[in-house]
């Protein structure tokens, strides 16, 4: 090998040795941000919808507290334990399963309000539930969902859930409404001492529209849902603005509204939020012409505001039998294409 060739080989070898000994470049540590409570609760909701579609309802029960309260769509759907809710839901889904159909949530946009300490929260959603089969989409129903949750170690637990469909006011205010809808399930009284102020607050709020406006939180993460499909208000300030405009008319109306016996209530372990579940009775007019409507099921969720409790979620509904639930139109490209 020529002297020039030897020199070239030596330079290459030296370069390789130098490269081998060079320290590796420093890598900046990647900060892994834990998911926020909002993200965790939205993921929990997605898992619940998936469990419904796949018929694996027991997996949903694993995310519920052992004494969770659940209002379902029908008048008799009021459950104290998740196992009871799963058992009844499975029974109601038998007709759908027998023909090979399944239920899917469409258009879900879960919204979450979190207490300042991050240990409890409330959420709501308005999915369209689709019944899908071999022939495509067979039916659609708009569902309203509200829930309360608390952090149990590293896991979120749902301890109150209210699912409903809207029912037209023109049908609800008819004398025959009670016969058509049937009576809601009666609740056993279960109110721990720390939740008694919440129950007393609900008793005052339901009969006093002005007080309800005052005690509703100004937060954006506020939802109020009535019995009619159109009665949905999001945002505390927006609701208050609307409700104050209705006060003159409400003050002239003759009615009474009260919380029926049999109430369940809880305060979250952190003490920052709490809920009350019960039946609400509305009577219009007095004397022989008085009309008492079928009782509403109500789930009221509160956020502690100093020494007071502010209303952040108010979901009232009537239980609607399967044959009276008004479906949405199934048309366009989705019809016949699951």
Protein backbone atom coordinates (compact mmCIF):
# COMPACT_ATOMS: atom_id res chain seq x y z
CA UNK A 1 0.00 0.00 0.00
CA UNK A 2 1.28 3.40 -0.88
CA UNK A 3 2.14 5.92 1.85
CA UNK A 4 -0.92 7.99 0.82
CA UNK A 5 -3.17 4.95 1.16
CA UNK A 6 -1.77 4.11 4.61
CA UNK A 7 -2.38 7.69 5.69
CA UNK A 8 -6.00 7.53 4.48
CA UNK A 9 -6.68 4.28 6.37
CA UNK A 10 -5.16 5.70 9.52
CA UNK A 11 -7.32 8.82 9.33
CA UNK A 12 -10.50 6.75 8.84
CA UNK A 13 -9.61 4.49 11.78
CA UNK A 14 -8.89 7.48 14.01
CA UNK A 15 -12.18 9.06 12.99
CA UNK A 16 -14.09 5.86 13.79
CA UNK A 17 -12.39 5.56 17.19
CA UNK A 18 -13.21 9.17 17.94
CA UNK A 19 -16.84 8.66 17.00
CA UNK A 20 -17.14 5.54 19.12
CA UNK A 21 -15.82 7.38 22.15
CA UNK A 22 -18.00 10.48 21.68
CA UNK A 23 -20.57 10.83 24.50
CA UNK A 24 -24.21 10.38 23.43
CA UNK A 25 -26.20 13.59 23.05
CA UNK A 26 -28.19 14.60 26.09
CA UNK A 27 -31.92 14.02 25.86
CA UNK A 28 -34.25 16.41 27.53
CA UNK A 29 -36.59 14.57 29.94
CA UNK A 30 -40.12 14.31 28.54
CA UNK A 31 -42.68 15.45 31.07
CA UNK A 32 -45.65 13.08 31.13
CA UNK A 33 -48.71 15.08 32.10
CA UNK A 34 -51.33 13.02 33.93
CA UNK A 35 -54.79 13.21 32.38
CA UNK A 36 -57.02 15.90 33.83
CA UNK A 37 -60.23 15.02 35.70
CA UNK A 38 -62.19 16.21 32.65
CA UNK A 39 -60.24 13.84 30.38
CA UNK A 40 -60.64 10.93 32.77
CA UNK A 41 -64.39 11.41 33.10
CA UNK A 42 -64.91 11.77 29.36
CA UNK A 43 -62.97 8.54 28.89
CA UNK A 44 -65.15 6.87 31.53
CA UNK A 45 -68.28 7.98 29.64
CA UNK A 46 -66.90 6.61 26.36
CA UNK A 47 -66.24 3.27 28.05
CA UNK A 48 -69.81 3.22 29.37
CA UNK A 49 -71.22 3.82 25.89
CA UNK A 50 -68.98 1.11 24.47
CA UNK A 51 -70.13 -1.31 27.18
CA UNK A 52 -73.75 -0.61 26.21
CA UNK A 53 -73.05 -1.23 22.53
CA UNK A 54 -71.18 -4.46 23.26
CA UNK A 55 -73.68 -5.69 25.85
CA UNK A 56 -71.02 -5.76 28.57
CA UNK A 57 -72.98 -3.77 31.13
CA UNK A 58 -71.13 -5.25 34.09
CA UNK A 59 -68.03 -3.30 33.13
CA UNK A 60 -70.00 -0.08 33.62
CA UNK A 61 -71.00 -1.20 37.11
CA UNK A 62 -67.31 -1.44 37.96
CA UNK A 63 -67.07 2.37 37.71
CA UNK A 64 -70.05 3.00 40.00
CA UNK A 65 -70.13 3.35 43.76
CA UNK A 66 -71.67 0.43 45.62
CA UNK A 67 -74.69 2.48 46.70
CA UNK A 68 -74.98 4.60 43.54
CA UNK A 69 -78.39 6.07 42.74
CA UNK A 70 -79.61 5.73 39.13
CA UNK A 71 -82.71 7.12 37.41
CA UNK A 72 -83.39 5.35 34.11
CA UNK A 73 -85.66 6.23 31.21
CA UNK A 74 -88.84 4.51 32.42
CA UNK A 75 -91.16 5.44 35.30
CA UNK A 76 -90.08 2.45 37.40
CA UNK A 77 -86.38 2.89 36.69
CA UNK A 78 -84.90 3.98 40.01
CA UNK A 79 -82.04 1.90 41.39
CA UNK A 80 -79.91 2.04 44.51
CA UNK A 81 -77.22 -0.45 43.50
CA UNK A 82 -75.44 -0.66 40.12
CA UNK A 83 -76.07 -4.40 40.02
CA UNK A 84 -79.83 -3.80 40.11
CA UNK A 85 -79.52 -1.24 37.33
CA UNK A 86 -77.50 -3.63 35.15
CA UNK A 87 -79.96 -6.47 35.73
CA UNK A 88 -82.97 -4.35 34.70
CA UNK A 89 -81.15 -2.74 31.76
CA UNK A 90 -80.24 -6.18 30.45
CA UNK A 91 -83.88 -7.27 30.74
CA UNK A 92 -85.06 -4.20 28.82
CA UNK A 93 -82.48 -4.83 26.09
CA UNK A 94 -83.62 -8.42 25.49
CA UNK A 95 -85.99 -7.48 22.60
CA UNK A 96 -83.14 -5.63 20.87
CA UNK A 97 -80.66 -8.45 21.38
CA UNK A 98 -83.06 -11.12 20.15
CA UNK A 99 -83.10 -9.60 16.67
CA UNK A 100 -79.36 -9.04 16.66
CA UNK A 101 -79.52 -5.25 17.08
CA UNK A 102 -77.36 -3.06 19.33
CA UNK A 103 -77.41 0.47 20.78
CA UNK A 104 -74.78 3.06 19.95
CA UNK A 105 -74.21 6.61 21.23
CA UNK A 106 -73.85 9.21 18.50
CA UNK A 107 -72.97 12.89 18.85
CA UNK A 108 -71.69 12.59 22.41
CA UNK A 109 -70.04 15.75 23.80
CA UNK A 110 -69.51 15.11 27.50
CA UNK A 111 -69.18 18.31 29.50
CA UNK A 112 -67.59 18.31 32.94
CA UNK A 113 -67.51 20.64 35.92
CA UNK A 114 -64.81 19.96 38.50
CA UNK A 115 -64.75 21.14 42.12
CA UNK A 116 -61.76 23.39 42.99
CA UNK A 117 -59.99 20.59 44.87
CA UNK A 118 -60.22 18.24 41.87
CA UNK A 119 -61.70 15.45 44.01
CA UNK A 120 -65.31 15.49 42.78
CA UNK A 121 -67.18 16.56 39.67
CA UNK A 122 -70.45 16.61 37.77
CA UNK A 123 -71.02 15.89 34.09
CA UNK A 124 -73.70 15.93 31.44
CA UNK A 125 -74.24 14.79 27.86
CA UNK A 126 -76.96 14.71 25.19
CA UNK A 127 -76.18 11.70 22.98
CA UNK A 128 -78.46 10.32 20.33
CA UNK A 129 -78.91 6.60 20.95
CA UNK A 130 -79.18 4.62 17.74
CA UNK A 131 -80.62 1.16 17.42
CA UNK A 132 -78.59 -0.52 14.69
CA UNK A 133 -79.17 -3.83 13.03
CA UNK A 134 -78.38 -5.74 9.89
CA UNK A 135 -80.65 -3.44 7.89
CA UNK A 136 -79.14 -0.21 9.19
CA UNK A 137 -80.34 2.37 11.70
CA UNK A 138 -83.79 1.35 12.93
CA UNK A 139 -84.42 4.10 15.47
CA UNK A 140 -82.94 7.16 17.16
CA UNK A 141 -83.74 8.75 20.53
CA UNK A 142 -82.30 11.88 22.11
CA UNK A 143 -81.19 11.12 25.67
CA UNK A 144 -80.27 13.58 28.44
CA UNK A 145 -77.67 12.41 30.97
CA UNK A 146 -76.37 14.01 34.16
CA UNK A 147 -74.14 12.46 36.81
CA UNK A 148 -72.05 13.13 39.91
CA UNK A 149 -68.64 11.54 40.47
CA UNK A 150 -65.91 11.52 43.10
CA UNK A 151 -62.28 10.43 43.14
CA UNK A 152 -61.71 7.19 45.01
CA UNK A 153 -57.94 6.83 45.25
CA UNK A 154 -56.91 6.96 41.59
CA UNK A 155 -60.29 5.98 40.15
CA UNK A 156 -63.44 8.01 39.53
CA UNK A 157 -66.69 6.61 40.87
CA UNK A 158 -70.17 7.57 39.68
CA UNK A 159 -72.53 7.72 42.63
CA UNK A 160 -75.55 9.40 41.02
CA UNK A 161 -76.81 9.15 37.43
CA UNK A 162 -79.98 10.47 35.77
CA UNK A 163 -80.92 9.36 32.25
CA UNK A 164 -84.11 10.63 30.63
CA UNK A 165 -85.91 11.48 27.43
CA UNK A 166 -87.98 14.62 26.98
CA UNK A 167 -91.77 14.49 27.19
CA UNK A 168 -93.93 17.18 25.53
CA UNK A 169 -95.53 19.70 27.87
CA UNK A 170 -98.80 19.57 25.94
CA UNK A 171 -99.09 15.88 26.88
CA UNK A 172 -97.75 16.26 30.41
CA UNK A 173 -100.29 18.95 31.31
CA UNK A 174 -103.30 16.85 30.31
CA UNK A 175 -105.45 15.25 33.04
CA UNK A 176 -104.78 11.84 31.48
CA UNK A 177 -100.99 12.18 31.76
CA UNK A 178 -100.80 10.18 34.97
CA UNK A 179 -102.61 7.23 33.44
CA UNK A 180 -100.39 7.26 30.36
CA UNK A 181 -97.09 7.63 32.14
CA UNK A 182 -97.69 5.71 35.33
CA UNK A 183 -96.28 6.57 38.74
CA UNK A 184 -92.52 6.84 39.29
CA UNK A 185 -90.81 4.43 41.63
CA UNK A 186 -90.94 5.48 45.26
CA UNK A 187 -87.60 6.02 46.96
CA UNK A 188 -86.57 4.92 50.42
CA UNK A 189 -85.26 7.74 52.59
CA UNK A 190 -81.46 7.73 52.86
CA UNK A 191 -79.96 11.03 53.99
CA UNK A 192 -76.75 11.09 56.09
CA UNK A 193 -76.45 14.01 58.56
CA UNK A 194 -73.94 15.93 56.42
CA UNK A 195 -76.39 15.89 53.47
CA UNK A 196 -79.40 17.20 55.41
CA UNK A 197 -78.64 20.86 54.50
CA UNK A 198 -78.75 19.88 50.82
CA UNK A 199 -82.19 18.31 51.19
CA UNK A 200 -83.51 21.35 53.04
CA UNK A 201 -82.10 23.53 50.29
CA UNK A 202 -83.89 21.54 47.58
CA UNK A 203 -87.18 21.76 49.48
CA UNK A 204 -86.89 25.55 49.43
CA UNK A 205 -85.62 25.83 45.86
CA UNK A 206 -88.33 23.78 44.14
CA UNK A 207 -91.10 25.97 45.54
CA UNK A 208 -89.41 29.35 45.14
CA UNK A 209 -88.28 30.30 41.59
CA UNK A 210 -86.63 33.50 42.84
CA UNK A 211 -84.54 31.63 45.39
CA UNK A 212 -83.59 29.06 42.77
CA UNK A 213 -82.22 31.82 40.56
CA UNK A 214 -80.21 33.27 43.44
CA UNK A 215 -78.71 29.94 44.48
CA UNK A 216 -77.77 28.82 40.94
CA UNK A 217 -74.05 29.11 40.29
CA UNK A 218 -72.77 31.65 37.74
CA UNK A 219 -70.28 29.11 36.37
CA UNK A 220 -70.31 28.13 32.73
CA UNK A 221 -70.33 24.49 33.86
CA UNK A 222 -73.98 24.59 34.90
CA UNK A 223 -76.86 22.67 33.35
CA UNK A 224 -80.60 22.73 34.05
CA UNK A 225 -82.89 20.22 32.34
CA UNK A 226 -86.68 20.19 32.46
CA UNK A 227 -89.31 17.64 31.51
CA UNK A 228 -89.84 18.91 27.94
CA UNK A 229 -87.17 18.23 25.32
CA UNK A 230 -86.77 21.97 24.73
CA UNK A 231 -86.12 22.75 28.40
CA UNK A 232 -82.33 22.64 28.46
CA UNK A 233 -80.17 25.50 29.76
CA UNK A 234 -76.38 25.50 29.86
CA UNK A 235 -74.38 28.14 31.72
CA UNK A 236 -75.44 29.68 35.02
CA UNK A 237 -75.53 33.28 33.82
CA UNK A 238 -77.52 32.38 30.71
CA UNK A 239 -80.11 30.53 32.79
CA UNK A 240 -80.42 33.36 35.28
CA UNK A 241 -80.95 35.93 32.53
CA UNK A 242 -83.73 33.81 31.02
CA UNK A 243 -85.32 32.93 34.37
CA UNK A 244 -85.42 36.52 35.65
CA UNK A 245 -87.40 37.46 32.55
CA UNK A 246 -89.98 34.77 33.47
CA UNK A 247 -90.36 35.85 37.10
CA UNK A 248 -93.26 38.35 36.62
CA UNK A 249 -95.33 35.65 34.93
CA UNK A 250 -94.37 32.98 37.48
CA UNK A 251 -95.29 35.23 40.39
CA UNK A 252 -98.82 35.53 39.01
CA UNK A 253 -99.22 31.78 38.51
CA UNK A 254 -100.98 29.70 41.15
CA UNK A 255 -99.02 26.53 41.78
CA UNK A 256 -97.23 24.54 44.44
CA UNK A 257 -94.13 22.43 44.01
CA UNK A 258 -92.68 20.22 46.71
CA UNK A 259 -90.26 17.40 47.30
CA UNK A 260 -92.12 14.14 47.99
CA UNK A 261 -91.21 11.86 50.92
CA UNK A 262 -88.43 9.41 50.14
CA UNK A 263 -85.17 11.21 49.37
CA UNK A 264 -81.59 10.05 48.82
CA UNK A 265 -78.63 12.38 49.23
CA UNK A 266 -74.85 12.29 49.54
CA UNK A 267 -71.94 14.68 50.08
CA UNK A 268 -68.70 13.78 48.29
CA UNK A 269 -65.83 12.61 50.53
CA UNK A 270 -64.03 15.89 49.82
CA UNK A 271 -67.04 17.85 51.06
CA UNK A 272 -67.01 20.11 47.99
CA UNK A 273 -70.01 18.73 46.11
CA UNK A 274 -73.15 16.80 46.88
CA UNK A 275 -76.42 15.63 45.37
CA UNK A 276 -80.08 15.04 46.18
CA UNK A 277 -82.36 12.57 44.35
CA UNK A 278 -86.10 12.51 44.83
CA UNK A 279 -89.55 12.89 43.31
CA UNK A 280 -91.02 16.36 42.87
CA UNK A 281 -94.78 17.01 42.85
CA UNK A 282 -96.21 19.97 40.92
CA UNK A 283 -99.83 21.06 41.41
CA UNK A 284 -101.38 23.74 39.21
CA UNK A 285 -104.25 25.81 40.61
CA UNK A 286 -106.18 25.17 43.81
CA UNK A 287 -109.42 23.59 44.96
CA UNK A 288 -111.50 21.37 42.70
CA UNK A 289 -109.82 22.67 39.56
CA UNK A 290 -106.32 21.84 40.78
CA UNK A 291 -104.28 19.59 38.51
CA UNK A 292 -101.49 17.52 40.01
CA UNK A 293 -99.03 16.36 37.38
CA UNK A 294 -97.24 13.01 37.41
CA UNK A 295 -94.28 13.38 39.80
CA UNK A 296 -90.95 14.40 38.29
CA UNK A 297 -87.75 12.54 39.11
CA UNK A 298 -85.11 15.07 40.11
CA UNK A 299 -81.34 14.89 40.53
CA UNK A 300 -79.92 18.10 42.01
CA UNK A 301 -76.14 18.56 42.24
CA UNK A 302 -74.51 21.27 44.36
CA UNK A 303 -71.09 22.86 44.71
CA UNK A 304 -69.99 24.25 48.06
CA UNK A 305 -69.68 28.02 47.85
CA UNK A 306 -68.19 29.18 51.14
CA UNK A 307 -70.81 28.47 53.79
CA UNK A 308 -73.54 28.00 51.17
CA UNK A 309 -74.30 25.46 48.46
CA UNK A 310 -74.75 26.58 44.84
CA UNK A 311 -76.82 24.62 42.34
CA UNK A 312 -74.75 23.44 39.36
CA UNK A 313 -76.97 20.71 37.88
CA UNK A 314 -80.75 20.35 38.03
CA UNK A 315 -82.20 17.47 36.01
CA UNK A 316 -85.95 16.91 36.24
CA UNK A 317 -87.85 14.43 34.09
CA UNK A 318 -90.83 12.13 33.95
CA UNK A 319 -90.24 8.45 33.42
CA UNK A 320 -91.49 7.64 29.92
CA UNK A 321 -92.64 4.11 28.96
CA UNK A 322 -91.00 2.61 25.89
CA UNK A 323 -94.05 3.03 23.63
CA UNK A 324 -94.31 6.76 24.42
CA UNK A 325 -90.69 7.70 23.71
CA UNK A 326 -90.67 9.90 20.64
CA UNK A 327 -88.00 8.79 18.15
CA UNK A 328 -86.03 11.14 15.94
CA UNK A 329 -86.39 10.85 12.19
CA UNK A 330 -84.10 8.32 10.51
CA UNK A 331 -83.39 9.62 7.03
CA UNK A 332 -80.56 10.47 4.69
CA UNK A 333 -77.40 8.41 4.17
CA UNK A 334 -77.49 6.93 7.68
CA UNK A 335 -80.83 5.21 7.09
CA UNK A 336 -80.07 1.62 6.27
CA UNK A 337 -76.33 2.07 6.91
CA UNK A 338 -75.30 1.17 10.48
